[in-house]
Amino acid sequence: DIIPQPLLDQYLSMTDPARAQTVDTEIAKHCAYSLPGVALTLGRQNWHCLKDTYETLASDVQWKVRRTLAFSIHELAVILGDQLTAADLVPIFNGFLKDLDEVRIGVLKHLYDFLKLLHADKRREYLYQLQEFVVTDNSRNWRFRYELAEQLILILELYNPNDVYDYLRHIALTLCSDKVSEVRWISFKLVVAILQKFYANNANALGLNFINELVVRFRHCSKWVGRQAFAFICQVG
């Protein structure tokens, strides 16, 4: 009753490969772009009408189609709620994490927005995978690493101090030694945010250990760029 059935059928048929040959070669991309709006209109109770179409689009051979979905998966998660997100979106999200950089950046841009919608136990499963974002198909793609640092500053609030120390600290230190100055600058802010996280949660021992590690790694670095990094971290702090 929400959408006339012929109109919905017409929309769902946009994933038919024959339509791409006869109507528009980018018709699947248009379908992917509109999907959150269609899902919002139908409501989560009618998600079953779109689920197969979404899965078809998520495995489309064109990376532009998958990229479009990757950029909007966090919006769809809000529409569907935590149960449907865990059941139907998390597997697709996991697939996007292993996709081309052009697709992964869509997930990375809204990583915090998606992770905060998951239950704590499900969210913890991604701690180890976060470091995989440091590696890209093209090492010159420095904006990818910059985006990762920006997202991690937000993501800190989703994890406890021990998890931050065990998993996110290593990523921050790696990014602080990046070849690109823009990445290093945002990473210095990440390091300070981690320290603030420790002391705000009375994890003073973790904070002290991290400070000692920064002193050894940067303050006593044999290269001037390392010592400069330590000065900049102090400045940001």
C-alpha atoms as a PDB file:
ATOM      1  CA  ASP A   1       0.000   0.000   0.000  1.00  0.00           C
ATOM      2  CA  ILE A   2       3.002   2.302   0.478  1.00  0.00           C
ATOM      3  CA  ILE A   3       4.348   2.086  -3.085  1.00  0.00           C
ATOM      4  CA  PRO A   4       2.277   0.879  -6.070  1.00  0.00           C
ATOM      5  CA  GLN A   5       3.388  -2.685  -6.807  1.00  0.00           C
ATOM      6  CA  PRO A   6       4.157  -2.004 -10.517  1.00  0.00           C
ATOM      7  CA  LEU A   7       6.449   0.857  -9.476  1.00  0.00           C
ATOM      8  CA  LEU A   8       8.266  -1.317  -6.933  1.00  0.00           C
ATOM      9  CA  ASP A   9       8.597  -4.125  -9.491  1.00  0.00           C
ATOM     10  CA  GLN A  10      10.034  -1.637 -11.974  1.00  0.00           C
ATOM     11  CA  TYR A  11      12.607  -0.499  -9.395  1.00  0.00           C
ATOM     12  CA  LEU A  12      13.601  -4.050  -8.454  1.00  0.00           C
ATOM     13  CA  SER A  13      14.083  -4.940 -12.121  1.00  0.00           C
ATOM     14  CA  MET A  14      16.861  -2.335 -12.391  1.00  0.00           C
ATOM     15  CA  THR A  15      19.372  -5.000 -11.338  1.00  0.00           C
ATOM     16  CA  ASP A  16      18.534  -7.140 -14.375  1.00  0.00           C
ATOM     17  CA  PRO A  17      21.689  -7.219 -16.586  1.00  0.00           C
ATOM     18  CA  ALA A  18      19.474  -7.036 -19.677  1.00  0.00           C
ATOM     19  CA  ARG A  19      18.261  -3.592 -18.555  1.00  0.00           C
ATOM     20  CA  ALA A  20      21.851  -2.347 -18.484  1.00  0.00           C
ATOM     21  CA  GLN A  21      22.253  -3.346 -22.147  1.00  0.00           C
ATOM     22  CA  THR A  22      18.950  -1.957 -23.391  1.00  0.00           C
ATOM     23  CA  VAL A  23      18.153   0.999 -21.088  1.00  0.00           C
ATOM     24  CA  ASP A  24      21.230   2.456 -19.376  1.00  0.00           C
ATOM     25  CA  THR A  25      24.668   0.980 -18.666  1.00  0.00           C
ATOM     26  CA  GLU A  26      24.669   2.689 -15.245  1.00  0.00           C
ATOM     27  CA  ILE A  27      21.157   1.683 -14.254  1.00  0.00           C
ATOM     28  CA  ALA A  28      22.436  -0.561 -11.429  1.00  0.00           C
ATOM     29  CA  LYS A  29      24.380   2.392  -9.988  1.00  0.00           C
ATOM     30  CA  HIS A  30      21.217   4.532 -10.054  1.00  0.00           C
ATOM     31  CA  CYS A  31      19.383   1.708  -8.304  1.00  0.00           C
ATOM     32  CA  ALA A  32      22.066   1.512  -5.606  1.00  0.00           C
ATOM     33  CA  TYR A  33      22.028   5.291  -5.104  1.00  0.00           C
ATOM     34  CA  SER A  34      18.258   5.325  -4.546  1.00  0.00           C
ATOM     35  CA  LEU A  35      18.068   2.275  -2.307  1.00  0.00           C
ATOM     36  CA  PRO A  36      18.272   3.992   1.117  1.00  0.00           C
ATOM     37  CA  GLY A  37      15.413   6.285   0.081  1.00  0.00           C
ATOM     38  CA  VAL A  38      13.296   3.352  -1.083  1.00  0.00           C
ATOM     39  CA  ALA A  39      14.087   1.468   2.151  1.00  0.00           C
ATOM     40  CA  LEU A  40      13.091   4.508   4.226  1.00  0.00           C
ATOM     41  CA  THR A  41       9.821   4.828   2.313  1.00  0.00           C
ATOM     42  CA  LEU A  42       8.960   1.137   2.686  1.00  0.00           C
ATOM     43  CA  GLY A  43      10.029   0.973   6.340  1.00  0.00           C
ATOM     44  CA  ARG A  44      12.028  -1.745   8.049  1.00  0.00           C
ATOM     45  CA  GLN A  45       8.960  -4.026   8.220  1.00  0.00           C
ATOM     46  CA  ASN A  46       9.120  -4.315   4.416  1.00  0.00           C
ATOM     47  CA  TRP A  47      12.895  -4.799   4.163  1.00  0.00           C
ATOM     48  CA  HIS A  48      12.283  -8.330   2.850  1.00  0.00           C
ATOM     49  CA  CYS A  49      11.107  -6.714  -0.414  1.00  0.00           C
ATOM     50  CA  LEU A  50      14.535  -5.141  -0.941  1.00  0.00           C
ATOM     51  CA  LYS A  51      16.927  -7.605   0.680  1.00  0.00           C
ATOM     52  CA  ASP A  52      17.614  -9.733  -2.424  1.00  0.00           C
ATOM     53  CA  THR A  53      18.058  -6.637  -4.575  1.00  0.00           C
ATOM     54  CA  TYR A  54      20.515  -5.163  -2.075  1.00  0.00           C
ATOM     55  CA  GLU A  55      22.568  -8.367  -1.991  1.00  0.00           C
ATOM     56  CA  THR A  56      22.594  -8.470  -5.801  1.00  0.00           C
ATOM     57  CA  LEU A  57      23.871  -4.904  -5.959  1.00  0.00           C
ATOM     58  CA  ALA A  58      26.475  -5.578  -3.261  1.00  0.00           C
ATOM     59  CA  SER A  59      28.013  -8.293  -5.446  1.00  0.00           C
ATOM     60  CA  ASP A  60      27.744  -6.355  -8.724  1.00  0.00           C
ATOM     61  CA  VAL A  61      30.816  -6.664 -10.954  1.00  0.00           C
ATOM     62  CA  GLN A  62      30.984  -2.875 -11.331  1.00  0.00           C
ATOM     63  CA  TRP A  63      32.954  -1.378  -8.441  1.00  0.00           C
ATOM     64  CA  LYS A  64      31.041   1.911  -8.828  1.00  0.00           C
ATOM     65  CA  VAL A  65      27.847   0.112  -7.803  1.00  0.00           C
ATOM     66  CA  ARG A  66      29.481  -1.441  -4.734  1.00  0.00           C
ATOM     67  CA  ARG A  67      31.121   1.904  -3.892  1.00  0.00           C
ATOM     68  CA  THR A  68      27.726   3.634  -3.949  1.00  0.00           C
ATOM     69  CA  LEU A  69      26.362   1.112  -1.440  1.00  0.00           C
ATOM     70  CA  ALA A  70      29.484   1.365   0.728  1.00  0.00           C
ATOM     71  CA  PHE A  71      28.983   5.121   1.099  1.00  0.00           C
ATOM     72  CA  SER A  72      25.384   4.694   2.272  1.00  0.00           C
ATOM     73  CA  ILE A  73      25.467   1.477   4.332  1.00  0.00           C
ATOM     74  CA  HIS A  74      25.562   3.476   7.585  1.00  0.00           C
ATOM     75  CA  GLU A  75      22.359   5.306   6.573  1.00  0.00           C
ATOM     76  CA  LEU A  76      20.658   2.016   5.758  1.00  0.00           C
ATOM     77  CA  ALA A  77      21.719   0.657   9.155  1.00  0.00           C
ATOM     78  CA  VAL A  78      19.872   3.521  10.889  1.00  0.00           C
ATOM     79  CA  ILE A  79      16.747   2.761   8.855  1.00  0.00           C
ATOM     80  CA  LEU A  80      16.830  -0.993   9.519  1.00  0.00           C
ATOM     81  CA  GLY A  81      17.765  -1.000  13.199  1.00  0.00           C
ATOM     82  CA  ASP A  82      20.279  -3.155  15.062  1.00  0.00           C
ATOM     83  CA  GLN A  83      18.749  -6.605  14.521  1.00  0.00           C
ATOM     84  CA  LEU A  84      18.383  -6.384  10.742  1.00  0.00           C
ATOM     85  CA  THR A  85      21.740  -4.620  10.516  1.00  0.00           C
ATOM     86  CA  ALA A  86      23.485  -7.456  12.351  1.00  0.00           C
ATOM     87  CA  ALA A  87      21.739 -10.120  10.269  1.00  0.00           C
ATOM     88  CA  ASP A  88      21.767  -8.608   6.772  1.00  0.00           C
ATOM     89  CA  LEU A  89      24.165  -5.658   6.597  1.00  0.00           C
ATOM     90  CA  VAL A  90      27.160  -6.824   8.638  1.00  0.00           C
ATOM     91  CA  PRO A  91      28.062  -9.631   6.162  1.00  0.00           C
ATOM     92  CA  ILE A  92      27.965  -7.126   3.281  1.00  0.00           C
ATOM     93  CA  PHE A  93      29.915  -4.579   5.348  1.00  0.00           C
ATOM     94  CA  ASN A  94      32.575  -7.254   5.934  1.00  0.00           C
ATOM     95  CA  GLY A  95      32.757  -7.871   2.199  1.00  0.00           C
ATOM     96  CA  PHE A  96      33.271  -4.169   1.508  1.00  0.00           C
ATOM     97  CA  LEU A  97      36.164  -4.128   3.998  1.00  0.00           C
ATOM     98  CA  LYS A  98      38.066  -6.537   1.725  1.00  0.00           C
ATOM     99  CA  ASP A  99      37.102  -4.823  -1.538  1.00  0.00           C
ATOM    100  CA  LEU A 100      39.007  -2.382  -3.737  1.00  0.00           C
ATOM    101  CA  ASP A 101      40.195   0.859  -2.153  1.00  0.00           C
ATOM    102  CA  GLU A 102      37.560   2.722  -4.178  1.00  0.00           C
ATOM    103  CA  VAL A 103      34.908   0.719  -2.299  1.00  0.00           C
ATOM    104  CA  ARG A 104      36.668   0.561   1.082  1.00  0.00           C
ATOM    105  CA  ILE A 105      36.863   4.358   1.283  1.00  0.00           C
ATOM    106  CA  GLY A 106      33.065   4.465   1.334  1.00  0.00           C
ATOM    107  CA  VAL A 107      33.035   2.254   4.423  1.00  0.00           C
ATOM    108  CA  LEU A 108      35.975   4.104   5.992  1.00  0.00           C
ATOM    109  CA  LYS A 109      34.379   7.562   5.576  1.00  0.00           C
ATOM    110  CA  HIS A 110      31.507   6.532   7.861  1.00  0.00           C
ATOM    111  CA  LEU A 111      33.193   3.812   9.921  1.00  0.00           C
ATOM    112  CA  TYR A 112      32.311   5.442  13.246  1.00  0.00           C
ATOM    113  CA  ASP A 113      28.688   5.981  12.174  1.00  0.00           C
ATOM    114  CA  PHE A 114      28.314   2.271  11.362  1.00  0.00           C
ATOM    115  CA  LEU A 115      30.228   0.798  14.320  1.00  0.00           C
ATOM    116  CA  LYS A 116      28.333   2.853  16.894  1.00  0.00           C
ATOM    117  CA  LEU A 117      25.092   1.196  15.735  1.00  0.00           C
ATOM    118  CA  LEU A 118      26.384  -2.306  16.536  1.00  0.00           C
ATOM    119  CA  HIS A 119      26.162  -4.078  19.888  1.00  0.00           C
ATOM    120  CA  ALA A 120      29.372  -3.927  21.919  1.00  0.00           C
ATOM    121  CA  ASP A 121      30.259  -7.610  21.395  1.00  0.00           C
ATOM    122  CA  LYS A 122      29.827  -7.338  17.613  1.00  0.00           C
ATOM    123  CA  ARG A 123      31.751  -4.055  17.570  1.00  0.00           C
ATOM    124  CA  ARG A 124      34.711  -5.658  19.340  1.00  0.00           C
ATOM    125  CA  GLU A 125      35.127  -8.088  16.440  1.00  0.00           C
ATOM    126  CA  TYR A 126      36.322  -5.204  14.275  1.00  0.00           C
ATOM    127  CA  LEU A 127      39.174  -4.127  16.542  1.00  0.00           C
ATOM    128  CA  TYR A 128      41.728  -6.333  14.824  1.00  0.00           C
ATOM    129  CA  GLN A 129      40.438  -5.490  11.335  1.00  0.00           C
ATOM    130  CA  LEU A 130      40.937  -1.758  11.810  1.00  0.00           C
ATOM    131  CA  GLN A 131      44.682  -2.092  11.262  1.00  0.00           C
ATOM    132  CA  GLU A 132      44.020  -3.525   7.793  1.00  0.00           C
ATOM    133  CA  PHE A 133      43.001  -0.010   6.709  1.00  0.00           C
ATOM    134  CA  VAL A 134      46.645   1.066   7.038  1.00  0.00           C
ATOM    135  CA  VAL A 135      47.455  -1.069   3.981  1.00  0.00           C
ATOM    136  CA  THR A 136      46.083   0.209   0.655  1.00  0.00           C
ATOM    137  CA  ASP A 137      46.259  -0.965  -2.946  1.00  0.00           C
ATOM    138  CA  ASN A 138      48.242   2.157  -3.748  1.00  0.00           C
ATOM    139  CA  SER A 139      50.652   3.407  -1.073  1.00  0.00           C
ATOM    140  CA  ARG A 140      50.427   6.917  -2.577  1.00  0.00           C
ATOM    141  CA  ASN A 141      46.773   7.036  -1.560  1.00  0.00           C
ATOM    142  CA  TRP A 142      47.619   9.042   1.571  1.00  0.00           C
ATOM    143  CA  ARG A 143      44.085  10.452   1.963  1.00  0.00           C
ATOM    144  CA  PHE A 144      42.970   6.937   2.874  1.00  0.00           C
ATOM    145  CA  ARG A 145      45.326   6.898   5.861  1.00  0.00           C
ATOM    146  CA  TYR A 146      44.329  10.466   6.752  1.00  0.00           C
ATOM    147  CA  GLU A 147      40.673   9.425   6.809  1.00  0.00           C
ATOM    148  CA  LEU A 148      41.546   6.437   9.008  1.00  0.00           C
ATOM    149  CA  ALA A 149      43.196   8.687  11.597  1.00  0.00           C
ATOM    150  CA  GLU A 150      40.202  11.047  11.578  1.00  0.00           C
ATOM    151  CA  GLN A 151      37.777   8.169  12.087  1.00  0.00           C
ATOM    152  CA  LEU A 152      39.871   6.627  14.873  1.00  0.00           C
ATOM    153  CA  ILE A 153      39.653   9.879  16.863  1.00  0.00           C
ATOM    154  CA  LEU A 154      35.867   9.412  16.862  1.00  0.00           C
ATOM    155  CA  ILE A 155      35.995   5.635  17.331  1.00  0.00           C
ATOM    156  CA  LEU A 156      37.983   5.923  20.574  1.00  0.00           C
ATOM    157  CA  GLU A 157      34.765   6.529  22.502  1.00  0.00           C
ATOM    158  CA  LEU A 158      33.367   3.148  21.401  1.00  0.00           C
ATOM    159  CA  TYR A 159      36.068   1.045  23.082  1.00  0.00           C
ATOM    160  CA  ASN A 160      37.453   0.694  26.591  1.00  0.00           C
ATOM    161  CA  PRO A 161      41.001   1.861  27.462  1.00  0.00           C
ATOM    162  CA  ASN A 162      42.460  -1.662  27.376  1.00  0.00           C
ATOM    163  CA  ASP A 163      41.165  -2.280  23.855  1.00  0.00           C
ATOM    164  CA  VAL A 164      42.461   1.108  22.745  1.00  0.00           C
ATOM    165  CA  TYR A 165      45.892   0.273  24.183  1.00  0.00           C
ATOM    166  CA  ASP A 166      46.022  -3.241  22.715  1.00  0.00           C
ATOM    167  CA  TYR A 167      44.747  -2.441  19.220  1.00  0.00           C
ATOM    168  CA  LEU A 168      44.394   1.225  18.310  1.00  0.00           C
ATOM    169  CA  ARG A 169      47.653   2.424  19.854  1.00  0.00           C
ATOM    170  CA  HIS A 170      49.703   0.445  17.311  1.00  0.00           C
ATOM    171  CA  ILE A 171      47.815   1.999  14.401  1.00  0.00           C
ATOM    172  CA  ALA A 172      48.334   5.501  15.794  1.00  0.00           C
ATOM    173  CA  LEU A 173      52.088   4.979  16.158  1.00  0.00           C
ATOM    174  CA  THR A 174      52.343   3.646  12.607  1.00  0.00           C
ATOM    175  CA  LEU A 175      50.461   6.641  11.217  1.00  0.00           C
ATOM    176  CA  CYS A 176      52.671   9.048  13.191  1.00  0.00           C
ATOM    177  CA  SER A 177      55.618   7.833  11.101  1.00  0.00           C
ATOM    178  CA  ASP A 178      53.824   8.179   7.768  1.00  0.00           C
ATOM    179  CA  LYS A 179      55.752   9.631   4.829  1.00  0.00           C
ATOM    180  CA  VAL A 180      53.075  12.279   4.238  1.00  0.00           C
ATOM    181  CA  SER A 181      53.054  15.241   6.643  1.00  0.00           C
ATOM    182  CA  GLU A 182      49.245  15.685   6.478  1.00  0.00           C
ATOM    183  CA  VAL A 183      48.818  12.125   7.765  1.00  0.00           C
ATOM    184  CA  ARG A 184      51.363  12.672  10.518  1.00  0.00           C
ATOM    185  CA  TRP A 185      49.647  15.884  11.664  1.00  0.00           C
ATOM    186  CA  ILE A 186      46.228  14.289  12.100  1.00  0.00           C
ATOM    187  CA  SER A 187      47.920  11.287  13.752  1.00  0.00           C
ATOM    188  CA  PHE A 188      49.494  13.528  16.398  1.00  0.00           C
ATOM    189  CA  LYS A 189      45.952  14.608  17.302  1.00  0.00           C
ATOM    190  CA  LEU A 190      44.976  10.933  17.465  1.00  0.00           C
ATOM    191  CA  VAL A 191      47.838  10.190  19.877  1.00  0.00           C
ATOM    192  CA  VAL A 192      46.777  13.032  22.164  1.00  0.00           C
ATOM    193  CA  ALA A 193      43.142  11.852  22.001  1.00  0.00           C
ATOM    194  CA  ILE A 194      44.298   8.379  23.077  1.00  0.00           C
ATOM    195  CA  LEU A 195      46.172   9.831  26.044  1.00  0.00           C
ATOM    196  CA  GLN A 196      43.117  11.878  27.005  1.00  0.00           C
ATOM    197  CA  LYS A 197      41.028   8.709  26.779  1.00  0.00           C
ATOM    198  CA  PHE A 198      43.337   6.904  29.210  1.00  0.00           C
ATOM    199  CA  TYR A 199      43.430   9.647  31.817  1.00  0.00           C
ATOM    200  CA  ALA A 200      39.716  10.455  31.534  1.00  0.00           C
ATOM    201  CA  ASN A 201      39.008   6.803  32.400  1.00  0.00           C
ATOM    202  CA  ASN A 202      41.570   6.660  35.239  1.00  0.00           C
ATOM    203  CA  ALA A 203      43.759   4.276  33.213  1.00  0.00           C
ATOM    204  CA  ASN A 204      46.852   6.119  34.426  1.00  0.00           C
ATOM    205  CA  ALA A 205      49.166   3.119  34.069  1.00  0.00           C
ATOM    206  CA  LEU A 206      48.255   2.728  30.401  1.00  0.00           C
ATOM    207  CA  GLY A 207      48.745   6.451  29.875  1.00  0.00           C
ATOM    208  CA  LEU A 208      52.185   6.377  31.477  1.00  0.00           C
ATOM    209  CA  ASN A 209      53.223   3.347  29.420  1.00  0.00           C
ATOM    210  CA  PHE A 210      52.124   5.103  26.249  1.00  0.00           C
ATOM    211  CA  ILE A 211      54.005   8.290  27.165  1.00  0.00           C
ATOM    212  CA  ASN A 212      57.166   6.244  27.803  1.00  0.00           C
ATOM    213  CA  GLU A 213      56.714   4.581  24.420  1.00  0.00           C
ATOM    214  CA  LEU A 214      56.377   7.978  22.733  1.00  0.00           C
ATOM    215  CA  VAL A 215      59.549   9.195  24.468  1.00  0.00           C
ATOM    216  CA  VAL A 216      61.558   6.160  23.363  1.00  0.00           C
ATOM    217  CA  ARG A 217      60.154   6.106  19.837  1.00  0.00           C
ATOM    218  CA  PHE A 218      60.202   9.805  19.011  1.00  0.00           C
ATOM    219  CA  ARG A 219      62.025  11.892  21.646  1.00  0.00           C
ATOM    220  CA  HIS A 220      65.150   9.691  21.401  1.00  0.00           C
ATOM    221  CA  CYS A 221      64.777   8.989  17.679  1.00  0.00           C
ATOM    222  CA  SER A 222      68.042   9.171  15.711  1.00  0.00           C
ATOM    223  CA  LYS A 223      66.256  11.014  12.880  1.00  0.00           C
ATOM    224  CA  TRP A 224      65.260  14.659  13.292  1.00  0.00           C
ATOM    225  CA  VAL A 225      61.787  14.006  11.873  1.00  0.00           C
ATOM    226  CA  GLY A 226      61.067  11.682  14.812  1.00  0.00           C
ATOM    227  CA  ARG A 227      62.191  14.262  17.368  1.00  0.00           C
ATOM    228  CA  GLN A 228      60.127  16.871  15.530  1.00  0.00           C
ATOM    229  CA  ALA A 229      57.114  14.546  15.788  1.00  0.00           C
ATOM    230  CA  PHE A 230      57.555  14.423  19.565  1.00  0.00           C
ATOM    231  CA  ALA A 231      57.609  18.230  19.735  1.00  0.00           C
ATOM    232  CA  PHE A 232      54.452  18.442  17.645  1.00  0.00           C
ATOM    233  CA  ILE A 233      52.688  15.861  19.836  1.00  0.00           C
ATOM    234  CA  CYS A 234      53.557  17.968  22.887  1.00  0.00           C
ATOM    235  CA  GLN A 235      52.299  21.063  21.079  1.00  0.00           C
ATOM    236  CA  VAL A 236      48.950  19.421  20.211  1.00  0.00           C
ATOM    237  CA  GLY A 237      48.625  18.150  23.767  1.00  0.00           C
END
